Amino acid sequence: MAGDRKQIHVLLDEILLRQLEDYRFAHRFQSRTDAIRWLLEWSLGRNPEPRRPQDDGSEQSRADVEL
């Protein structure tokens, strides 16, 4: 299975990175990768529907999205 994995690079702003690190340590994940993988699997398993841009052209911040 490890041979089936692909590596990706993700750029995060400081706020999101801090949230990820706080989540990682609060839930005792061994690495950022483990935390990100768990969060992705959990959220995608819930079949989320992306929010669309606001009518005024502004986008909702990710802080407005409930997990």
Protein backbone atom coordinates (compact mmCIF):
# COMPACT_ATOMS: atom_id res chain seq x y z
CA MET A 1 0.00 0.00 0.00
CA ALA A 2 2.82 2.41 0.73
CA GLY A 3 3.88 2.11 -2.91
CA ASP A 4 0.43 3.36 -3.97
CA ARG A 5 0.85 6.66 -2.14
CA LYS A 6 1.63 9.90 -3.93
CA GLN A 7 3.25 12.95 -2.43
CA ILE A 8 1.64 16.37 -2.70
CA HIS A 9 2.71 19.81 -1.54
CA VAL A 10 0.27 22.13 0.17
CA LEU A 11 0.76 25.79 1.03
CA LEU A 12 -1.05 27.00 4.16
CA ASP A 13 -1.35 30.44 5.64
CA GLU A 14 -0.08 30.91 9.20
CA ILE A 15 -3.53 30.78 10.77
CA LEU A 16 -4.50 27.49 9.13
CA LEU A 17 -1.11 25.96 9.94
CA ARG A 18 -1.50 26.99 13.59
CA GLN A 19 -4.99 25.43 13.66
CA LEU A 20 -3.60 22.23 12.15
CA GLU A 21 -0.78 22.08 14.68
CA ASP A 22 -3.18 22.72 17.59
CA TYR A 23 -5.48 19.97 16.30
CA ARG A 24 -2.57 17.59 15.78
CA PHE A 25 -1.23 17.99 19.31
CA ALA A 26 -4.66 18.01 20.97
CA HIS A 27 -5.48 14.68 19.32
CA ARG A 28 -1.95 13.24 19.62
CA PHE A 29 -1.27 12.57 15.95
CA GLN A 30 2.31 11.48 15.31
CA SER A 31 2.77 13.89 12.40
CA ARG A 32 1.13 16.65 10.37
CA THR A 33 0.68 14.11 7.60
CA ASP A 34 -1.30 11.79 9.86
CA ALA A 35 -3.51 14.65 11.02
CA ILE A 36 -4.11 15.92 7.49
CA ARG A 37 -4.85 12.43 6.18
CA TRP A 38 -7.33 11.76 9.01
CA LEU A 39 -9.05 15.15 8.51
CA LEU A 40 -9.35 14.58 4.75
CA GLU A 41 -10.71 11.06 5.12
CA TRP A 42 -13.18 12.17 7.79
CA SER A 43 -14.43 15.22 5.92
CA LEU A 44 -14.66 13.54 2.51
CA GLY A 45 -16.54 10.64 4.12
CA ARG A 46 -19.22 13.15 5.09
CA ASN A 47 -19.76 14.04 1.40
CA PRO A 48 -19.44 17.81 1.86
CA GLU A 49 -20.83 20.24 -0.65
CA PRO A 50 -18.57 23.23 -1.33
CA ARG A 51 -19.98 26.63 -0.59
CA ARG A 52 -20.32 28.90 -3.58
CA PRO A 53 -19.04 32.49 -3.77
CA GLN A 54 -21.33 35.16 -2.35
CA ASP A 55 -23.47 37.20 -4.74
CA ASP A 56 -21.37 40.29 -3.97
CA GLY A 57 -18.28 38.59 -5.36
CA SER A 58 -16.66 37.92 -1.99
CA GLU A 59 -15.95 34.39 -0.83
CA GLN A 60 -16.83 32.95 2.57
CA SER A 61 -13.84 32.32 4.73
CA ARG A 62 -13.09 28.76 5.76
CA ALA A 63 -13.80 29.83 9.36
CA ASP A 64 -17.48 29.98 8.30
CA VAL A 65 -17.49 26.30 7.30
CA GLU A 66 -18.62 23.88 10.00
CA LEU A 67 -16.83 20.56 10.47
